[in-house]
PDB file of N, CA and C in Angstrom:
ATOM      1  N   MET A   1    -102.720  22.897 117.369  1.00  0.00           N
ATOM      2  CA  MET A   1    -102.606  22.856 115.935  1.00  0.00           C
ATOM      3  C   MET A   1    -103.065  24.048 115.356  1.00  0.00           C
ATOM      4  N   VAL A   2    -104.208  24.569 115.217  1.00  0.00           N
ATOM      5  CA  VAL A   2    -104.383  25.884 114.658  1.00  0.00           C
ATOM      6  C   VAL A   2    -102.865  26.738 115.204  1.00  0.00           C
ATOM      7  N   MET A   3    -103.092  27.244 115.680  1.00  0.00           N
ATOM      8  CA  MET A   3    -101.985  28.558 116.178  1.00  0.00           C
ATOM      9  C   MET A   3    -100.159  27.760 114.903  1.00  0.00           C
ATOM     10  N   SER A   4     -99.934  26.119 114.706  1.00  0.00           N
ATOM     11  CA  SER A   4     -98.912  25.620 114.442  1.00  0.00           C
ATOM     12  C   SER A   4     -99.047  26.218 112.169  1.00  0.00           C
ATOM     13  N   THR A   5    -101.112  26.094 112.430  1.00  0.00           N
ATOM     14  CA  THR A   5    -100.740  25.895 111.251  1.00  0.00           C
ATOM     15  C   THR A   5    -101.150  27.542 110.280  1.00  0.00           C
ATOM     16  N   ILE A   6    -101.699  28.794 110.914  1.00  0.00           N
ATOM     17  CA  ILE A   6    -101.316  29.673 110.922  1.00  0.00           C
ATOM     18  C   ILE A   6    -100.467  30.385 110.818  1.00  0.00           C
ATOM     19  N   TRP A   7     -99.505  29.971 111.224  1.00  0.00           N
ATOM     20  CA  TRP A   7     -97.662  30.092 111.816  1.00  0.00           C
ATOM     21  C   TRP A   7     -97.188  29.846 110.367  1.00  0.00           C
ATOM     22  N   ILE A   8     -97.017  28.738 109.909  1.00  0.00           N
ATOM     23  CA  ILE A   8     -97.458  28.269 108.475  1.00  0.00           C
ATOM     24  C   ILE A   8     -96.692  28.888 108.046  1.00  0.00           C
ATOM     25  N   GLY A   9     -98.123  29.506 107.381  1.00  0.00           N
ATOM     26  CA  GLY A   9     -99.461  30.153 106.491  1.00  0.00           C
ATOM     27  C   GLY A   9     -98.646  31.977 106.714  1.00  0.00           C
ATOM     28  N   LEU A  10     -98.423  32.228 107.382  1.00  0.00           N
ATOM     29  CA  LEU A  10     -98.356  33.693 107.882  1.00  0.00           C
ATOM     30  C   LEU A  10     -96.922  33.575 107.245  1.00  0.00           C
ATOM     31  N   TYR A  11     -95.789  32.435 108.043  1.00  0.00           N
ATOM     32  CA  TYR A  11     -94.190  32.070 107.414  1.00  0.00           C
ATOM     33  C   TYR A  11     -94.086  31.943 105.278  1.00  0.00           C
ATOM     34  N   THR A  12     -95.152  31.539 105.760  1.00  0.00           N
ATOM     35  CA  THR A  12     -95.056  31.848 104.033  1.00  0.00           C
ATOM     36  C   THR A  12     -95.077  32.249 103.579  1.00  0.00           C
ATOM     37  N   PHE A  13     -96.814  32.477 103.811  1.00  0.00           N
ATOM     38  CA  PHE A  13     -97.028  34.071 102.859  1.00  0.00           C
ATOM     39  C   PHE A  13     -95.551  35.196 102.483  1.00  0.00           C
ATOM     40  N   PHE A  14     -94.729  36.036 104.215  1.00  0.00           N
ATOM     41  CA  PHE A  14     -94.033  36.550 104.069  1.00  0.00           C
ATOM     42  C   PHE A  14     -92.565  36.620 103.632  1.00  0.00           C
ATOM     43  N   ILE A  15     -92.013  35.289 103.441  1.00  0.00           N
ATOM     44  CA  ILE A  15     -91.315  34.635 102.706  1.00  0.00           C
ATOM     45  C   ILE A  15     -91.414  34.775 100.892  1.00  0.00           C
ATOM     46  N   VAL A  16     -92.396  34.726 100.482  1.00  0.00           N
ATOM     47  CA  VAL A  16     -93.205  34.619  99.340  1.00  0.00           C
ATOM     48  C   VAL A  16     -93.235  36.198  98.128  1.00  0.00           C
ATOM     49  N   TRP A  17     -93.999  35.766  99.614  1.00  0.00           N
ATOM     50  CA  TRP A  17     -94.018  38.045  99.757  1.00  0.00           C
ATOM     51  C   TRP A  17     -92.710  38.328  99.738  1.00  0.00           C
ATOM     52  N   LEU A  18     -91.556  38.149 100.544  1.00  0.00           N
ATOM     53  CA  LEU A  18     -89.945  39.067 100.945  1.00  0.00           C
ATOM     54  C   LEU A  18     -89.557  38.378  99.721  1.00  0.00           C
ATOM     55  N   THR A  19     -89.130  37.022  99.249  1.00  0.00           N
ATOM     56  CA  THR A  19     -88.220  37.114  98.295  1.00  0.00           C
ATOM     57  C   THR A  19     -89.247  37.346  96.138  1.00  0.00           C
ATOM     58  N   PHE A  20     -90.260  37.604  96.219  1.00  0.00           N
ATOM     59  CA  PHE A  20     -91.195  38.643  94.900  1.00  0.00           C
ATOM     60  C   PHE A  20     -90.516  39.724  94.918  1.00  0.00           C
ATOM     61  N   ASP A  21     -90.849  40.516  96.470  1.00  0.00           N
ATOM     62  CA  ASP A  21     -90.608  41.808  96.347  1.00  0.00           C
ATOM     63  C   ASP A  21     -89.090  42.291  95.651  1.00  0.00           C
ATOM     64  N   LEU A  22     -87.646  41.240  96.375  1.00  0.00           N
ATOM     65  CA  LEU A  22     -86.362  42.009  95.922  1.00  0.00           C
ATOM     66  C   LEU A  22     -86.341  41.363  94.218  1.00  0.00           C
ATOM     67  N   THR A  23     -87.232  39.994  93.547  1.00  0.00           N
ATOM     68  CA  THR A  23     -86.691  40.086  92.519  1.00  0.00           C
ATOM     69  C   THR A  23     -86.844  40.604  91.440  1.00  0.00           C
ATOM     70  N   GLU A  24     -88.024  41.990  92.337  1.00  0.00           N
ATOM     71  CA  GLU A  24     -88.895  43.485  91.274  1.00  0.00           C
ATOM     72  C   GLU A  24     -87.735  44.226  92.162  1.00  0.00           C
ATOM     73  N   GLY A  25     -86.726  44.073  93.707  1.00  0.00           N
ATOM     74  CA  GLY A  25     -86.617  45.938  93.048  1.00  0.00           C
ATOM     75  C   GLY A  25     -84.773  45.177  92.728  1.00  0.00           C
ATOM     76  N   TRP A  26     -84.408  44.323  92.432  1.00  0.00           N
ATOM     77  CA  TRP A  26     -83.296  43.620  92.146  1.00  0.00           C
ATOM     78  C   TRP A  26     -83.530  43.764  89.827  1.00  0.00           C
ATOM     79  N   ASP A  27     -84.494  43.466  89.969  1.00  0.00           N
ATOM     80  CA  ASP A  27     -84.895  43.715  88.335  1.00  0.00           C
ATOM     81  C   ASP A  27     -84.203  42.618  87.593  1.00  0.00           C
ATOM     82  N   VAL A  28     -85.087  40.800  88.874  1.00  0.00           N
ATOM     83  CA  VAL A  28     -84.025  40.237  87.989  1.00  0.00           C
ATOM     84  C   VAL A  28     -84.540  38.930  87.303  1.00  0.00           C
ATOM     85  N   LEU A  29     -85.743  38.930  86.490  1.00  0.00           N
ATOM     86  CA  LEU A  29     -86.586  38.692  85.774  1.00  0.00           C
ATOM     87  C   LEU A  29     -86.888  39.221  86.190  1.00  0.00           C
ATOM     88  N   GLN A  30     -87.919  39.167  84.184  1.00  0.00           N
ATOM     89  CA  GLN A  30     -89.354  39.750  83.292  1.00  0.00           C
ATOM     90  C   GLN A  30     -90.335  39.693  83.418  1.00  0.00           C
ATOM     91  N   LYS A  31     -90.697  38.595  84.223  1.00  0.00           N
ATOM     92  CA  LYS A  31     -91.306  38.069  84.669  1.00  0.00           C
ATOM     93  C   LYS A  31     -92.141  37.837  85.120  1.00  0.00           C
ATOM     94  N   LYS A  32     -93.376  37.452  86.119  1.00  0.00           N
ATOM     95  CA  LYS A  32     -94.000  38.063  87.048  1.00  0.00           C
ATOM     96  C   LYS A  32     -93.297  36.634  88.421  1.00  0.00           C
ATOM     97  N   PHE A  33     -92.675  36.214  88.570  1.00  0.00           N
ATOM     98  CA  PHE A  33     -92.477  34.207  89.570  1.00  0.00           C
ATOM     99  C   PHE A  33     -91.104  35.469  89.773  1.00  0.00           C
ATOM    100  N   SER A  34     -90.336  34.394  91.166  1.00  0.00           N
ATOM    101  CA  SER A  34     -89.527  34.562  91.678  1.00  0.00           C
ATOM    102  C   SER A  34     -88.855  32.537  91.397  1.00  0.00           C
ATOM    103  N   LEU A  35     -87.744  33.682  91.699  1.00  0.00           N
ATOM    104  CA  LEU A  35     -86.951  31.907  91.114  1.00  0.00           C
ATOM    105  C   LEU A  35     -86.058  31.713  93.085  1.00  0.00           C
ATOM    106  N   ILE A  36     -85.107  33.819  93.536  1.00  0.00           N
ATOM    107  CA  ILE A  36     -85.027  32.572  94.966  1.00  0.00           C
ATOM    108  C   ILE A  36     -85.001  32.108  95.195  1.00  0.00           C
ATOM    109  N   PRO A  37     -86.443  31.623  95.625  1.00  0.00           N
ATOM    110  CA  PRO A  37     -87.421  30.455  96.352  1.00  0.00           C
ATOM    111  C   PRO A  37     -85.952  29.489  96.714  1.00  0.00           C
ATOM    112  N   MET A  38     -86.157  29.160  94.558  1.00  0.00           N
ATOM    113  CA  MET A  38     -85.717  28.384  93.997  1.00  0.00           C
ATOM    114  C   MET A  38     -84.382  27.688  94.531  1.00  0.00           C
ATOM    115  N   PHE A  39     -83.097  28.678  94.806  1.00  0.00           N
ATOM    116  CA  PHE A  39     -81.987  28.341  95.449  1.00  0.00           C
ATOM    117  C   PHE A  39     -82.161  29.028  96.267  1.00  0.00           C
ATOM    118  N   TRP A  40     -82.258  29.994  96.625  1.00  0.00           N
ATOM    119  CA  TRP A  40     -81.784  30.437  98.166  1.00  0.00           C
ATOM    120  C   TRP A  40     -81.947  29.236  99.215  1.00  0.00           C
ATOM    121  N   PHE A  41     -83.744  29.504  99.678  1.00  0.00           N
ATOM    122  CA  PHE A  41     -83.727  28.380 100.195  1.00  0.00           C
ATOM    123  C   PHE A  41     -83.583  26.508 100.529  1.00  0.00           C
ATOM    124  N   PRO A  42     -83.141  26.023  99.503  1.00  0.00           N
ATOM    125  CA  PRO A  42     -82.128  24.286  99.250  1.00  0.00           C
ATOM    126  C   PRO A  42     -80.864  24.672 100.434  1.00  0.00           C
ATOM    127  N   PHE A  43     -80.216  25.633  99.483  1.00  0.00           N
ATOM    128  CA  PHE A  43     -78.907  26.186 100.470  1.00  0.00           C
ATOM    129  C   PHE A  43     -78.794  26.664 102.103  1.00  0.00           C
ATOM    130  N   GLY A  44     -79.817  26.760 102.650  1.00  0.00           N
ATOM    131  CA  GLY A  44     -80.598  27.892 103.538  1.00  0.00           C
ATOM    132  C   GLY A  44     -80.919  25.918 104.814  1.00  0.00           C
ATOM    133  N   VAL A  45     -81.824  24.931 103.619  1.00  0.00           N
ATOM    134  CA  VAL A  45     -81.912  24.010 104.415  1.00  0.00           C
ATOM    135  C   VAL A  45     -81.170  22.917 104.623  1.00  0.00           C
ATOM    136  N   THR A  46     -79.915  23.120 103.757  1.00  0.00           N
ATOM    137  CA  THR A  46     -78.851  21.836 103.450  1.00  0.00           C
ATOM    138  C   THR A  46     -78.655  22.263 104.877  1.00  0.00           C
ATOM    139  N   PHE A  47     -77.905  23.202 104.948  1.00  0.00           N
ATOM    140  CA  PHE A  47     -76.690  24.316 105.726  1.00  0.00           C
ATOM    141  C   PHE A  47     -76.723  23.127 107.050  1.00  0.00           C
ATOM    142  N   ARG A  48     -78.656  23.734 107.889  1.00  0.00           N
ATOM    143  CA  ARG A  48     -79.076  22.858 108.704  1.00  0.00           C
ATOM    144  C   ARG A  48     -78.966  21.955 109.043  1.00  0.00           C
ATOM    145  N   ASP A  49     -79.524  21.460 108.509  1.00  0.00           N
ATOM    146  CA  ASP A  49     -79.844  20.234 107.852  1.00  0.00           C
ATOM    147  C   ASP A  49     -78.280  19.395 108.607  1.00  0.00           C
ATOM    148  N   PHE A  50     -77.329  19.884 107.444  1.00  0.00           N
ATOM    149  CA  PHE A  50     -76.185  19.647 107.865  1.00  0.00           C
ATOM    150  C   PHE A  50     -75.498  19.695 109.680  1.00  0.00           C
ATOM    151  N   LYS A  51     -76.010  20.775 110.071  1.00  0.00           N
ATOM    152  CA  LYS A  51     -75.451  21.532 111.325  1.00  0.00           C
ATOM    153  C   LYS A  51     -76.258  20.244 112.553  1.00  0.00           C
ATOM    154  N   LYS A  52     -77.633  19.464 112.708  1.00  0.00           N
ATOM    155  CA  LYS A  52     -78.480  18.997 113.270  1.00  0.00           C
ATOM    156  C   LYS A  52     -76.835  17.619 112.967  1.00  0.00           C
ATOM    157  N   PHE A  53     -77.178  17.411 112.308  1.00  0.00           N
ATOM    158  CA  PHE A  53     -76.484  16.130 111.668  1.00  0.00           C
ATOM    159  C   PHE A  53     -75.065  16.010 112.758  1.00  0.00           C
ATOM    160  N   GLU A  54     -73.997  16.512 112.380  1.00  0.00           N
ATOM    161  CA  GLU A  54     -73.117  17.081 113.075  1.00  0.00           C
ATOM    162  C   GLU A  54     -73.051  17.330 115.023  1.00  0.00           C
ATOM    163  N   ASP A  55     -73.967  17.590 115.717  1.00  0.00           N
ATOM    164  CA  ASP A  55     -74.668  17.652 116.442  1.00  0.00           C
ATOM    165  C   ASP A  55     -74.422  16.299 117.232  1.00  0.00           C
ATOM    166  N   PHE A  56     -75.828  16.085 115.582  1.00  0.00           N
ATOM    167  CA  PHE A  56     -75.754  14.428 116.547  1.00  0.00           C
ATOM    168  C   PHE A  56     -75.107  13.636 116.609  1.00  0.00           C
ATOM    169  N   GLU A  57     -73.987  13.446 115.330  1.00  0.00           N
ATOM    170  CA  GLU A  57     -72.979  12.994 115.420  1.00  0.00           C
ATOM    171  C   GLU A  57     -71.786  13.043 117.390  1.00  0.00           C
ATOM    172  N   LYS A  58     -72.174  14.641 117.896  1.00  0.00           N
ATOM    173  CA  LYS A  58     -71.300  15.026 118.941  1.00  0.00           C
ATOM    174  C   LYS A  58     -71.980  13.729 120.338  1.00  0.00           C
ATOM    175  N   ALA A  59     -73.362  14.517 119.992  1.00  0.00           N
ATOM    176  CA  ALA A  59     -74.344  13.417 120.905  1.00  0.00           C
ATOM    177  C   ALA A  59     -73.666  12.045 120.791  1.00  0.00           C
ATOM    178  N   LEU A  60     -73.698  11.851 119.471  1.00  0.00           N
ATOM    179  CA  LEU A  60     -74.730   9.629 119.587  1.00  0.00           C
ATOM    180  C   LEU A  60     -72.667   9.972 120.632  1.00  0.00           C
ATOM    181  N   GLU A  61     -71.550  10.013 120.131  1.00  0.00           N
ATOM    182  CA  GLU A  61     -69.924   9.576 120.741  1.00  0.00           C
ATOM    183  C   GLU A  61     -70.258   9.584 122.487  1.00  0.00           C
ATOM    184  N   VAL A  62     -71.021  11.335 122.828  1.00  0.00           N
ATOM    185  CA  VAL A  62     -70.883  11.101 124.255  1.00  0.00           C
ATOM    186  C   VAL A  62     -72.561   9.359 124.612  1.00  0.00           C
ATOM    187  N   PHE A  63     -72.918   9.420 124.116  1.00  0.00           N
ATOM    188  CA  PHE A  63     -73.837   8.851 124.890  1.00  0.00           C
ATOM    189  C   PHE A  63     -73.439   7.357 124.637  1.00  0.00           C
ATOM    190  N   LYS A  64     -72.197   6.543 123.645  1.00  0.00           N
ATOM    191  CA  LYS A  64     -71.339   5.587 123.669  1.00  0.00           C
ATOM    192  C   LYS A  64     -70.610   5.931 124.902  1.00  0.00           C
ATOM    193  N   SER A  65     -69.898   6.789 125.454  1.00  0.00           N
ATOM    194  CA  SER A  65     -68.713   6.703 125.860  1.00  0.00           C
ATOM    195  C   SER A  65     -69.358   6.680 127.521  1.00  0.00           C
ATOM    196  N   GLU A  66     -70.525   7.216 127.428  1.00  0.00           N
ATOM    197  CA  GLU A  66     -71.062   7.451 128.987  1.00  0.00           C
ATOM    198  C   GLU A  66     -72.011   6.163 129.420  1.00  0.00           C
ATOM    199  N   LEU A  67     -72.443   5.451 128.148  1.00  0.00           N
ATOM    200  CA  LEU A  67     -73.015   4.197 128.265  1.00  0.00           C
ATOM    201  C   LEU A  67     -72.999   3.198 127.466  1.00  0.00           C
ATOM    202  N   PRO A  68     -72.008   2.316 127.089  1.00  0.00           N
ATOM    203  CA  PRO A  68     -71.741   1.526 126.362  1.00  0.00           C
ATOM    204  C   PRO A  68     -72.299   0.019 127.055  1.00  0.00           C
ATOM    205  N   ASP A  69     -72.119  -0.489 125.939  1.00  0.00           N
ATOM    206  CA  ASP A  69     -73.021  -1.882 125.583  1.00  0.00           C
ATOM    207  C   ASP A  69     -71.890  -2.850 126.730  1.00  0.00           C
TER     208      ASP A  69
END
């Protein structure tokens, strides 16, 4: 549990640092905050969840064909 917490903390720090540097490098905003995570990460999570849903549907079809009620 401790290692999971450390990993999530380090990953979060890296993502925030990276997106802030990209925003500064591209000179997207004049203010000192980053909007990239607000647009980039929701799309990434949506695509990941959509893929998981497709895999779940395929597994459910196989399960229904092999073990019918």
